C-alpha atoms as a PDB file:
ATOM      1  CA  MET A   1      -8.771  -5.040  30.135  1.00  0.00           C
ATOM      2  CA  GLU A   2      -7.501  -5.733  33.929  1.00  0.00           C
ATOM      3  CA  THR A   3      -5.616  -3.089  35.789  1.00  0.00           C
ATOM      4  CA  ARG A   4      -4.318  -3.581  39.555  1.00  0.00           C
ATOM      5  CA  ALA A   5      -5.529  -0.513  41.334  1.00  0.00           C
ATOM      6  CA  ILE A   6      -6.670   0.694  44.950  1.00  0.00           C
ATOM      7  CA  VAL A   7     -10.450   0.803  45.440  1.00  0.00           C
ATOM      8  CA  ILE A   8     -12.776   1.398  47.983  1.00  0.00           C
ATOM      9  CA  GLU A   9     -16.036  -1.668  48.150  1.00  0.00           C
ATOM     10  CA  ASN A  10     -17.313   0.327  50.893  1.00  0.00           C
ATOM     11  CA  TYR A  11     -17.713   3.896  52.346  1.00  0.00           C
ATOM     12  CA  GLY A  12     -15.922   4.534  55.238  1.00  0.00           C
ATOM     13  CA  HIS A  13     -12.050   5.644  56.554  1.00  0.00           C
ATOM     14  CA  ALA A  14      -8.717   4.981  54.885  1.00  0.00           C
ATOM     15  CA  ASP A  15      -8.712   1.509  55.744  1.00  0.00           C
ATOM     16  CA  GLN A  16     -11.190   1.053  53.006  1.00  0.00           C
ATOM     17  CA  LEU A  17      -8.445   1.349  51.141  1.00  0.00           C
ATOM     18  CA  LYS A  18      -7.169  -1.889  48.972  1.00  0.00           C
ATOM     19  CA  ALA A  19      -5.561  -3.230  46.585  1.00  0.00           C
ATOM     20  CA  SER A  20      -7.172  -5.328  43.446  1.00  0.00           C
ATOM     21  CA  LYS A  21      -8.121  -5.883  40.031  1.00  0.00           C
ATOM     22  CA  VAL A  22     -10.379  -4.093  37.659  1.00  0.00           C
ATOM     23  CA  GLU A  23     -11.769  -4.217  34.437  1.00  0.00           C
ATOM     24  CA  LEU A  24     -11.640  -1.205  32.644  1.00  0.00           C
ATOM     25  CA  PRO A  25     -14.405  -0.384  30.337  1.00  0.00           C
ATOM     26  CA  GLU A  26     -13.352  -0.783  26.452  1.00  0.00           C
ATOM     27  CA  LEU A  27     -11.595   2.445  24.870  1.00  0.00           C
ATOM     28  CA  GLY A  28     -13.727   4.807  23.722  1.00  0.00           C
ATOM     29  CA  GLU A  29     -12.872   6.027  20.287  1.00  0.00           C
ATOM     30  CA  HIS A  30     -11.964   9.759  21.079  1.00  0.00           C
ATOM     31  CA  GLN A  31     -10.187   8.079  24.642  1.00  0.00           C
ATOM     32  CA  VAL A  32      -6.499   7.141  25.175  1.00  0.00           C
ATOM     33  CA  LEU A  33      -5.028   4.695  27.371  1.00  0.00           C
ATOM     34  CA  VAL A  34      -2.718   5.813  30.219  1.00  0.00           C
ATOM     35  CA  LYS A  35       0.156   3.867  32.271  1.00  0.00           C
ATOM     36  CA  VAL A  36       0.012   5.832  35.132  1.00  0.00           C
ATOM     37  CA  HIS A  37       3.471   7.128  36.910  1.00  0.00           C
ATOM     38  CA  ALA A  38       1.968   9.378  39.567  1.00  0.00           C
ATOM     39  CA  THR A  39      -1.099  10.339  40.195  1.00  0.00           C
ATOM     40  CA  SER A  40      -1.894  13.016  43.499  1.00  0.00           C
ATOM     41  CA  VAL A  41      -4.384  13.346  46.175  1.00  0.00           C
ATOM     42  CA  ASN A  42      -7.081  16.245  46.424  1.00  0.00           C
ATOM     43  CA  PRO A  43      -9.551  16.584  49.321  1.00  0.00           C
ATOM     44  CA  ILE A  44     -12.467  14.775  46.719  1.00  0.00           C
ATOM     45  CA  ASP A  45     -10.770  11.600  47.039  1.00  0.00           C
ATOM     46  CA  TRP A  46     -10.800  11.377  50.304  1.00  0.00           C
ATOM     47  CA  LYS A  47     -14.757  12.950  51.155  1.00  0.00           C
ATOM     48  CA  LEU A  48     -15.867  10.561  48.220  1.00  0.00           C
ATOM     49  CA  ARG A  49     -14.166   7.928  50.339  1.00  0.00           C
ATOM     50  CA  GLU A  50     -16.107   8.297  53.313  1.00  0.00           C
ATOM     51  CA  GLY A  51     -19.013   9.049  51.388  1.00  0.00           C
ATOM     52  CA  TYR A  52     -19.763  13.004  51.765  1.00  0.00           C
ATOM     53  CA  LEU A  53     -20.431  13.009  47.929  1.00  0.00           C
ATOM     54  CA  ALA A  54     -22.134   9.492  47.736  1.00  0.00           C
ATOM     55  CA  GLN A  55     -25.807  11.650  46.458  1.00  0.00           C
ATOM     56  CA  MET A  56     -23.779  13.796  44.218  1.00  0.00           C
ATOM     57  CA  MET A  57     -21.719  10.335  42.421  1.00  0.00           C
ATOM     58  CA  PRO A  58     -24.138   7.572  43.357  1.00  0.00           C
ATOM     59  CA  TRP A  59     -21.685   5.149  41.614  1.00  0.00           C
ATOM     60  CA  GLU A  60     -21.654   1.143  41.921  1.00  0.00           C
ATOM     61  CA  PHE A  61     -18.750  -0.192  43.680  1.00  0.00           C
ATOM     62  CA  PRO A  62     -15.758  -1.377  43.410  1.00  0.00           C
ATOM     63  CA  ILE A  63     -14.283   2.469  43.129  1.00  0.00           C
ATOM     64  CA  THR A  64     -10.373   3.284  41.876  1.00  0.00           C
ATOM     65  CA  LEU A  65     -10.340   7.003  43.406  1.00  0.00           C
ATOM     66  CA  GLY A  66      -7.895   9.661  42.448  1.00  0.00           C
ATOM     67  CA  TRP A  67      -8.527  12.353  39.172  1.00  0.00           C
ATOM     68  CA  ASP A  68      -4.793  13.632  38.057  1.00  0.00           C
ATOM     69  CA  VAL A  69      -2.770  11.750  36.277  1.00  0.00           C
ATOM     70  CA  ALA A  70       1.156  11.731  34.539  1.00  0.00           C
ATOM     71  CA  GLY A  71       2.197   8.801  31.861  1.00  0.00           C
ATOM     72  CA  GLU A  72       2.764   7.621  28.830  1.00  0.00           C
ATOM     73  CA  ILE A  73       0.030   6.395  26.335  1.00  0.00           C
ATOM     74  CA  THR A  74      -0.079   3.162  25.714  1.00  0.00           C
ATOM     75  CA  GLU A  75      -3.084   2.958  23.501  1.00  0.00           C
ATOM     76  CA  ILE A  76      -5.541   5.352  21.396  1.00  0.00           C
ATOM     77  CA  GLY A  77      -8.790   5.288  20.276  1.00  0.00           C
ATOM     78  CA  SER A  78      -9.950   4.975  16.451  1.00  0.00           C
ATOM     79  CA  GLU A  79     -11.127   8.567  16.464  1.00  0.00           C
ATOM     80  CA  VAL A  80      -7.863   9.766  18.100  1.00  0.00           C
ATOM     81  CA  LYS A  81      -5.821  12.457  15.922  1.00  0.00           C
ATOM     82  CA  ASP A  82      -3.926  14.777  17.626  1.00  0.00           C
ATOM     83  CA  TRP A  83      -1.780  11.538  20.069  1.00  0.00           C
ATOM     84  CA  GLN A  84       0.355   8.825  19.724  1.00  0.00           C
ATOM     85  CA  VAL A  85       1.635   5.759  21.398  1.00  0.00           C
ATOM     86  CA  GLY A  86       4.919   6.876  23.707  1.00  0.00           C
ATOM     87  CA  GLN A  87       3.156  10.275  24.310  1.00  0.00           C
ATOM     88  CA  LYS A  88       3.901  11.645  27.732  1.00  0.00           C
ATOM     89  CA  VAL A  89       0.863  13.240  28.951  1.00  0.00           C
ATOM     90  CA  PHE A  90      -1.018  14.953  32.355  1.00  0.00           C
ATOM     91  CA  ALA A  91      -4.624  15.072  32.909  1.00  0.00           C
ATOM     92  CA  ARG A  92      -7.355  15.915  34.764  1.00  0.00           C
ATOM     93  CA  PRO A  93      -9.344  13.346  33.547  1.00  0.00           C
ATOM     94  CA  GLU A  94     -13.493  13.248  33.492  1.00  0.00           C
ATOM     95  CA  THR A  95     -14.829  11.878  37.401  1.00  0.00           C
ATOM     96  CA  THR A  96     -15.990   8.118  36.759  1.00  0.00           C
ATOM     97  CA  ARG A  97     -15.881   5.284  39.410  1.00  0.00           C
ATOM     98  CA  PHE A  98     -11.985   4.481  37.543  1.00  0.00           C
ATOM     99  CA  GLY A  99      -9.835   6.881  38.762  1.00  0.00           C
ATOM    100  CA  THR A 100      -6.294   7.164  38.240  1.00  0.00           C
ATOM    101  CA  TYR A 101      -5.287   4.812  41.833  1.00  0.00           C
ATOM    102  CA  ALA A 102      -4.354   2.195  39.039  1.00  0.00           C
ATOM    103  CA  ASP A 103      -1.178   1.669  36.919  1.00  0.00           C
ATOM    104  CA  TYR A 104      -3.907   1.966  33.724  1.00  0.00           C
ATOM    105  CA  THR A 105      -6.245   4.459  33.792  1.00  0.00           C
ATOM    106  CA  ILE A 106      -8.803   5.832  30.345  1.00  0.00           C
ATOM    107  CA  VAL A 107      -8.419   9.791  29.319  1.00  0.00           C
ATOM    108  CA  ASP A 108     -10.599  11.783  27.092  1.00  0.00           C
ATOM    109  CA  ASP A 109      -8.235  13.247  24.071  1.00  0.00           C
ATOM    110  CA  HIS A 110      -9.555  15.823  24.836  1.00  0.00           C
ATOM    111  CA  LEU A 111      -8.203  16.523  28.359  1.00  0.00           C
ATOM    112  CA  LEU A 112      -4.789  15.889  27.969  1.00  0.00           C
ATOM    113  CA  ALA A 113      -2.191  17.941  28.074  1.00  0.00           C
ATOM    114  CA  ARG A 114       1.470  17.324  26.767  1.00  0.00           C
ATOM    115  CA  LYS A 115       4.103  16.645  29.675  1.00  0.00           C
ATOM    116  CA  PRO A 116       7.230  19.492  29.573  1.00  0.00           C
ATOM    117  CA  ASP A 117      10.536  17.778  29.505  1.00  0.00           C
ATOM    118  CA  ASN A 118      11.633  19.899  31.909  1.00  0.00           C
ATOM    119  CA  VAL A 119       8.932  18.385  33.992  1.00  0.00           C
ATOM    120  CA  SER A 120       8.591  15.488  36.182  1.00  0.00           C
ATOM    121  CA  PHE A 121       5.699  12.822  35.896  1.00  0.00           C
ATOM    122  CA  GLU A 122       5.208  13.553  40.076  1.00  0.00           C
ATOM    123  CA  GLU A 123       5.401  17.764  39.431  1.00  0.00           C
ATOM    124  CA  ALA A 124       2.668  17.209  36.409  1.00  0.00           C
ATOM    125  CA  ALA A 125       0.777  14.636  38.513  1.00  0.00           C
ATOM    126  CA  ALA A 126       0.233  17.645  41.061  1.00  0.00           C
ATOM    127  CA  VAL A 127      -0.928  20.062  38.571  1.00  0.00           C
ATOM    128  CA  PRO A 128      -4.459  18.944  36.898  1.00  0.00           C
ATOM    129  CA  LEU A 129      -7.247  19.484  39.728  1.00  0.00           C
ATOM    130  CA  ALA A 130      -5.495  21.646  41.610  1.00  0.00           C
ATOM    131  CA  GLY A 131      -4.122  23.613  38.713  1.00  0.00           C
ATOM    132  CA  LEU A 132      -7.356  24.010  37.161  1.00  0.00           C
ATOM    133  CA  THR A 133      -9.465  24.808  40.031  1.00  0.00           C
ATOM    134  CA  ALA A 134      -6.628  27.859  40.757  1.00  0.00           C
ATOM    135  CA  TYR A 135      -7.132  29.051  36.424  1.00  0.00           C
ATOM    136  CA  GLN A 136     -10.717  28.713  36.275  1.00  0.00           C
ATOM    137  CA  ALA A 137     -11.752  30.392  40.337  1.00  0.00           C
ATOM    138  CA  LEU A 138      -8.973  33.300  38.882  1.00  0.00           C
ATOM    139  CA  PHE A 139      -9.864  33.928  35.219  1.00  0.00           C
ATOM    140  CA  THR A 140     -12.975  31.919  34.206  1.00  0.00           C
ATOM    141  CA  HIS A 141     -14.966  32.893  36.848  1.00  0.00           C
ATOM    142  CA  GLY A 142     -12.871  35.715  38.389  1.00  0.00           C
ATOM    143  CA  GLN A 143     -12.320  37.662  35.607  1.00  0.00           C
ATOM    144  CA  LEU A 144      -8.864  38.571  37.240  1.00  0.00           C
ATOM    145  CA  LYS A 145      -6.947  41.178  35.348  1.00  0.00           C
ATOM    146  CA  ALA A 146      -3.106  43.014  34.929  1.00  0.00           C
ATOM    147  CA  GLY A 147      -3.612  45.413  38.301  1.00  0.00           C
ATOM    148  CA  GLU A 148      -5.607  43.854  39.761  1.00  0.00           C
ATOM    149  CA  LYS A 149      -5.524  43.031  43.478  1.00  0.00           C
ATOM    150  CA  VAL A 150      -6.520  39.675  44.685  1.00  0.00           C
ATOM    151  CA  LEU A 151      -6.521  37.783  48.030  1.00  0.00           C
ATOM    152  CA  ILE A 152      -5.812  33.911  47.560  1.00  0.00           C
ATOM    153  CA  HIS A 153      -6.624  32.308  51.124  1.00  0.00           C
ATOM    154  CA  ALA A 154      -4.523  29.309  52.219  1.00  0.00           C
ATOM    155  CA  GLY A 155      -1.852  30.322  49.520  1.00  0.00           C
ATOM    156  CA  ALA A 156       0.679  27.413  50.914  1.00  0.00           C
ATOM    157  CA  GLY A 157      -2.301  24.829  50.251  1.00  0.00           C
ATOM    158  CA  GLY A 158      -2.413  22.289  46.999  1.00  0.00           C
ATOM    159  CA  VAL A 159      -4.638  24.746  45.372  1.00  0.00           C
ATOM    160  CA  GLY A 160      -2.788  28.208  46.497  1.00  0.00           C
ATOM    161  CA  ILE A 161       0.535  27.523  45.223  1.00  0.00           C
ATOM    162  CA  TYR A 162      -0.691  27.384  42.036  1.00  0.00           C
ATOM    163  CA  ALA A 163      -3.140  30.192  42.115  1.00  0.00           C
ATOM    164  CA  ILE A 164      -0.118  32.543  42.973  1.00  0.00           C
ATOM    165  CA  GLN A 165       1.747  31.812  40.669  1.00  0.00           C
ATOM    166  CA  LEU A 166      -1.166  32.037  38.022  1.00  0.00           C
ATOM    167  CA  ALA A 167      -2.215  35.252  39.432  1.00  0.00           C
ATOM    168  CA  LYS A 168       1.399  37.261  39.166  1.00  0.00           C
ATOM    169  CA  ASN A 169       2.015  35.756  36.003  1.00  0.00           C
ATOM    170  CA  ALA A 170      -1.307  37.860  35.208  1.00  0.00           C
ATOM    171  CA  GLY A 171       0.225  41.039  36.402  1.00  0.00           C
ATOM    172  CA  ALA A 172      -1.939  41.053  39.598  1.00  0.00           C
ATOM    173  CA  THR A 173      -1.272  41.725  42.814  1.00  0.00           C
ATOM    174  CA  VAL A 174      -1.268  39.097  45.048  1.00  0.00           C
ATOM    175  CA  ILE A 175      -2.051  38.987  48.953  1.00  0.00           C
ATOM    176  CA  THR A 176      -2.296  35.643  50.713  1.00  0.00           C
ATOM    177  CA  THR A 177      -2.681  34.225  54.073  1.00  0.00           C
ATOM    178  CA  ALA A 178      -0.336  31.516  55.792  1.00  0.00           C
ATOM    179  CA  SER A 179       1.251  30.439  58.736  1.00  0.00           C
ATOM    180  CA  GLU A 180       4.486  31.775  58.801  1.00  0.00           C
ATOM    181  CA  LYS A 181       6.903  29.219  58.637  1.00  0.00           C
ATOM    182  CA  ASN A 182       5.286  29.352  54.392  1.00  0.00           C
ATOM    183  CA  HIS A 183       6.293  33.093  53.912  1.00  0.00           C
ATOM    184  CA  ALA A 184       9.545  32.777  52.818  1.00  0.00           C
ATOM    185  CA  LEU A 185       8.191  29.916  50.122  1.00  0.00           C
ATOM    186  CA  LEU A 186       5.027  31.767  48.613  1.00  0.00           C
ATOM    187  CA  LYS A 187       6.850  35.400  48.796  1.00  0.00           C
ATOM    188  CA  GLU A 188       9.321  33.498  45.973  1.00  0.00           C
ATOM    189  CA  LEU A 189       6.509  31.841  44.111  1.00  0.00           C
ATOM    190  CA  GLY A 190       5.278  35.895  43.697  1.00  0.00           C
ATOM    191  CA  ALA A 191       3.039  36.449  46.588  1.00  0.00           C
ATOM    192  CA  ASP A 192       3.645  40.080  46.705  1.00  0.00           C
ATOM    193  CA  GLN A 193       1.929  40.420  50.793  1.00  0.00           C
ATOM    194  CA  VAL A 194       1.947  37.276  52.899  1.00  0.00           C
ATOM    195  CA  ILE A 195      -0.275  36.946  56.155  1.00  0.00           C
ATOM    196  CA  ASP A 196       0.225  35.557  59.215  1.00  0.00           C
ATOM    197  CA  TYR A 197      -3.704  34.461  60.087  1.00  0.00           C
ATOM    198  CA  HIS A 198      -2.562  33.335  63.343  1.00  0.00           C
ATOM    199  CA  THR A 199      -1.589  36.657  64.459  1.00  0.00           C
ATOM    200  CA  THR A 200      -3.652  38.657  61.916  1.00  0.00           C
ATOM    201  CA  ASP A 201      -7.209  38.912  60.889  1.00  0.00           C
ATOM    202  CA  PHE A 202      -6.941  40.135  57.114  1.00  0.00           C
ATOM    203  CA  SER A 203      -9.963  41.855  57.415  1.00  0.00           C
ATOM    204  CA  GLU A 204      -8.446  44.153  59.667  1.00  0.00           C
ATOM    205  CA  VAL A 205      -5.202  45.355  57.314  1.00  0.00           C
ATOM    206  CA  LEU A 206      -7.083  44.544  54.202  1.00  0.00           C
ATOM    207  CA  GLU A 207      -9.765  46.865  52.047  1.00  0.00           C
ATOM    208  CA  ASN A 208     -10.539  47.690  48.038  1.00  0.00           C
ATOM    209  CA  VAL A 209      -8.949  44.150  46.815  1.00  0.00           C
ATOM    210  CA  ASP A 210     -10.554  43.306  43.612  1.00  0.00           C
ATOM    211  CA  LEU A 211     -11.270  39.505  43.678  1.00  0.00           C
ATOM    212  CA  VAL A 212     -10.839  37.035  46.730  1.00  0.00           C
ATOM    213  CA  PHE A 213     -10.106  32.878  46.508  1.00  0.00           C
ATOM    214  CA  ASP A 214     -11.974  31.359  49.056  1.00  0.00           C
ATOM    215  CA  THR A 215     -10.681  27.864  49.709  1.00  0.00           C
ATOM    216  CA  MET A 216     -11.503  27.874  53.627  1.00  0.00           C
ATOM    217  CA  GLY A 217     -15.575  28.699  53.802  1.00  0.00           C
ATOM    218  CA  GLY A 218     -16.980  29.696  57.519  1.00  0.00           C
ATOM    219  CA  ASP A 219     -16.006  33.449  58.952  1.00  0.00           C
ATOM    220  CA  VAL A 220     -13.291  33.257  56.423  1.00  0.00           C
ATOM    221  CA  GLN A 221     -15.273  33.514  54.103  1.00  0.00           C
ATOM    222  CA  VAL A 222     -17.951  35.735  55.881  1.00  0.00           C
ATOM    223  CA  ASN A 223     -15.125  38.290  56.796  1.00  0.00           C
ATOM    224  CA  SER A 224     -13.869  38.551  53.838  1.00  0.00           C
ATOM    225  CA  PHE A 225     -16.984  40.197  52.292  1.00  0.00           C
ATOM    226  CA  LYS A 226     -15.355  43.090  54.226  1.00  0.00           C
ATOM    227  CA  ILE A 227     -12.306  44.219  51.663  1.00  0.00           C
ATOM    228  CA  LEU A 228     -13.638  43.716  48.849  1.00  0.00           C
ATOM    229  CA  ASN A 229     -14.565  47.274  47.028  1.00  0.00           C
ATOM    230  CA  GLU A 230     -18.096  47.470  45.305  1.00  0.00           C
ATOM    231  CA  GLN A 231     -16.589  45.904  42.021  1.00  0.00           C
ATOM    232  CA  GLY A 232     -15.027  43.375  43.534  1.00  0.00           C
ATOM    233  CA  ARG A 233     -15.797  39.286  43.414  1.00  0.00           C
ATOM    234  CA  LEU A 234     -15.290  36.243  45.305  1.00  0.00           C
ATOM    235  CA  ILE A 235     -15.332  33.168  43.922  1.00  0.00           C
ATOM    236  CA  SER A 236     -15.137  29.836  46.428  1.00  0.00           C
ATOM    237  CA  ILE A 237     -14.688  26.125  45.703  1.00  0.00           C
ATOM    238  CA  VAL A 238     -15.794  25.102  49.248  1.00  0.00           C
ATOM    239  CA  GLY A 239     -19.519  26.677  49.747  1.00  0.00           C
ATOM    240  CA  GLN A 240     -21.751  28.880  48.715  1.00  0.00           C
ATOM    241  CA  PRO A 241     -21.919  32.522  49.871  1.00  0.00           C
ATOM    242  CA  ASP A 242     -24.541  34.190  52.140  1.00  0.00           C
ATOM    243  CA  GLU A 243     -26.938  35.997  49.727  1.00  0.00           C
ATOM    244  CA  GLU A 244     -27.119  38.939  51.801  1.00  0.00           C
ATOM    245  CA  LEU A 245     -24.206  39.261  51.820  1.00  0.00           C
ATOM    246  CA  ALA A 246     -23.545  38.381  47.673  1.00  0.00           C
ATOM    247  CA  LYS A 247     -25.760  41.479  47.042  1.00  0.00           C
ATOM    248  CA  THR A 248     -22.966  43.890  48.040  1.00  0.00           C
ATOM    249  CA  VAL A 249     -20.244  42.738  45.444  1.00  0.00           C
ATOM    250  CA  ALA A 250     -20.281  42.072  41.526  1.00  0.00           C
ATOM    251  CA  VAL A 251     -19.669  38.585  41.693  1.00  0.00           C
ATOM    252  CA  ALA A 252     -20.026  36.042  44.593  1.00  0.00           C
ATOM    253  CA  GLU A 253     -20.854  32.113  43.836  1.00  0.00           C
ATOM    254  CA  SER A 254     -19.592  28.668  44.391  1.00  0.00           C
ATOM    255  CA  ILE A 255     -17.795  26.702  41.140  1.00  0.00           C
ATOM    256  CA  TRP A 256     -17.084  23.036  41.197  1.00  0.00           C
ATOM    257  CA  LEU A 257     -13.946  22.177  39.096  1.00  0.00           C
ATOM    258  CA  GLN A 258     -14.534  21.497  35.194  1.00  0.00           C
ATOM    259  CA  PRO A 259     -11.655  19.386  33.235  1.00  0.00           C
ATOM    260  CA  ASN A 260     -10.627  20.833  30.379  1.00  0.00           C
ATOM    261  CA  GLY A 261      -7.500  20.066  28.318  1.00  0.00           C
ATOM    262  CA  GLU A 262      -6.637  23.314  26.864  1.00  0.00           C
ATOM    263  CA  GLN A 263      -6.155  25.140  30.003  1.00  0.00           C
ATOM    264  CA  LEU A 264      -4.209  22.592  31.237  1.00  0.00           C
ATOM    265  CA  GLN A 265      -2.131  22.600  28.456  1.00  0.00           C
ATOM    266  CA  GLU A 266      -1.399  26.952  29.085  1.00  0.00           C
ATOM    267  CA  ILE A 267      -0.251  25.978  32.671  1.00  0.00           C
ATOM    268  CA  ALA A 268       2.109  23.321  31.323  1.00  0.00           C
ATOM    269  CA  ASP A 269       3.198  26.052  28.684  1.00  0.00           C
ATOM    270  CA  LEU A 270       3.746  28.405  31.751  1.00  0.00           C
ATOM    271  CA  MET A 271       5.573  25.751  33.281  1.00  0.00           C
ATOM    272  CA  ALA A 272       7.928  24.405  30.716  1.00  0.00           C
ATOM    273  CA  ALA A 273       8.663  28.039  30.223  1.00  0.00           C
ATOM    274  CA  GLY A 274       9.877  28.155  34.444  1.00  0.00           C
ATOM    275  CA  LYS A 275       6.821  30.336  35.367  1.00  0.00           C
ATOM    276  CA  VAL A 276       4.674  27.859  37.232  1.00  0.00           C
ATOM    277  CA  LYS A 277       5.873  24.856  39.277  1.00  0.00           C
ATOM    278  CA  SER A 278       4.875  22.435  41.747  1.00  0.00           C
ATOM    279  CA  VAL A 279       5.523  22.195  45.513  1.00  0.00           C
ATOM    280  CA  ILE A 280       5.825  18.788  46.312  1.00  0.00           C
ATOM    281  CA  GLY A 281       5.537  18.446  50.026  1.00  0.00           C
ATOM    282  CA  HIS A 282       5.381  14.596  50.652  1.00  0.00           C
ATOM    283  CA  THR A 283       5.385  11.521  48.361  1.00  0.00           C
ATOM    284  CA  TYR A 284       3.991   7.879  49.174  1.00  0.00           C
ATOM    285  CA  PRO A 285       3.928   5.181  46.553  1.00  0.00           C
ATOM    286  CA  LEU A 286       1.014   3.775  45.011  1.00  0.00           C
ATOM    287  CA  THR A 287      -0.196   1.107  47.311  1.00  0.00           C
ATOM    288  CA  ALA A 288      -2.701   0.362  49.481  1.00  0.00           C
ATOM    289  CA  ALA A 289      -0.815   1.761  52.427  1.00  0.00           C
ATOM    290  CA  GLY A 290       0.728   4.785  50.777  1.00  0.00           C
ATOM    291  CA  VAL A 291      -2.643   5.450  49.749  1.00  0.00           C
ATOM    292  CA  LYS A 292      -4.177   5.330  53.366  1.00  0.00           C
ATOM    293  CA  GLU A 293      -1.150   7.161  54.692  1.00  0.00           C
ATOM    294  CA  ALA A 294      -1.918  10.187  52.323  1.00  0.00           C
ATOM    295  CA  HIS A 295      -5.453  10.298  52.414  1.00  0.00           C
ATOM    296  CA  GLU A 296      -4.370  10.552  56.249  1.00  0.00           C
ATOM    297  CA  LEU A 297      -2.168  13.523  56.075  1.00  0.00           C
ATOM    298  CA  SER A 298      -4.437  15.006  53.403  1.00  0.00           C
ATOM    299  CA  ALA A 299      -7.635  14.919  55.846  1.00  0.00           C
ATOM    300  CA  THR A 300      -5.664  17.537  58.716  1.00  0.00           C
ATOM    301  CA  HIS A 301      -5.340  19.877  56.088  1.00  0.00           C
ATOM    302  CA  HIS A 302      -1.818  20.321  56.645  1.00  0.00           C
ATOM    303  CA  ALA A 303       0.082  18.927  54.124  1.00  0.00           C
ATOM    304  CA  LYS A 304       2.261  21.817  52.625  1.00  0.00           C
ATOM    305  CA  GLY A 305       1.758  22.041  48.778  1.00  0.00           C
ATOM    306  CA  LYS A 306       1.133  19.103  47.223  1.00  0.00           C
ATOM    307  CA  ILE A 307       0.761  15.155  48.017  1.00  0.00           C
ATOM    308  CA  VAL A 308       1.964  12.436  45.197  1.00  0.00           C
ATOM    309  CA  LEU A 309       1.617   8.976  44.735  1.00  0.00           C
ATOM    310  CA  THR A 310       4.513   7.714  42.741  1.00  0.00           C
ATOM    311  CA  ASN A 311       3.907   4.421  40.476  1.00  0.00           C
ATOM    312  CA  GLU A 312       7.543   3.457  39.243  1.00  0.00           C
END
C-alpha cells in the first residue's frame, strides 16, 4: 500500500527531509500494519540522515527515517495470533528503510507492546528506542541488581530519564549528572544524587560504583573507570571503551540496541502502574518542516527529555 512519509532522497542536512508518497512492502505473515499516531526523534535519525551510518545501513533511497511508533493496528498478517485490528500498540520496529515518519508503518508482531490506557500515544511513542536502550544497558548487559550503585551520565536526556526510573524500580542507588536546572526533575524521577557537571567533576566525588551507564563517551567515559570497583561494569552506547582501561574492571563494552517486544511490554506494565513515565520536552507535527526543526534541536544535544512528532 501507499503511505505519506517524510523521506530523504540523499544524505545531507535537515533540508533533505521532504514529504513524499512511499509504496510499503507487502505485509508479511507475522507482521501488522500500524496507523501512526505519534513517533519520536532519536540521534540515530539525524546521524543516518547525515550519512554517518551509510556503511552500516547501505540502503536504497528514498529512506523513511524514524524507529519509534505508537498507534493502532489496521491490518494483520495471515499468521498473527496475539494481536487484533483496532488494538493500540507501540514498538521499536526493525531498522529498515521503511521507518515510522509516516502515516502507516509495518511492525513484526513479536516486537509489539500494548499501549497502557493511562498513557497517551505521544508518551508511548517516546519510549521504545530510548527505553529499551536504557533497559538493555542496565539489565541485559549491566546486570544491575538491587542494592547496587549506578551512575547514569546525562540523566535529563532521552535515554537517561528512563534509565533513572528503571534503575530506581530495580532497587539500585541512582546517581546521575545533569545541569542544575534539571536537578529537581531528576530527583522526582528517582535519582538519589544529582551532580552538576558544570561545577563538579564526578570522578573526584564518587567511588566504589558498581555500574556506569555511559551516554557521553570521550573524557567522560575515560574518567568513569576511576570510580568503578573491581567488579564494576561500564556499558556505553556511544563508543568502544579503551582496551587497557577495560582490563581494570569486570565488564566494559559498547552496545547496540536490539528491538525486543517482551522487554518493551515490561516497561509498558511499569508505566501502567505509574512507576515509569515519559518526559516530553518538545512536540512537533509529523511534517517535513516539523521533522526538520525536531532534528535540528536533537542535534544540539540540549533537548530536555524526548522530542515527539505527532500525527493527528
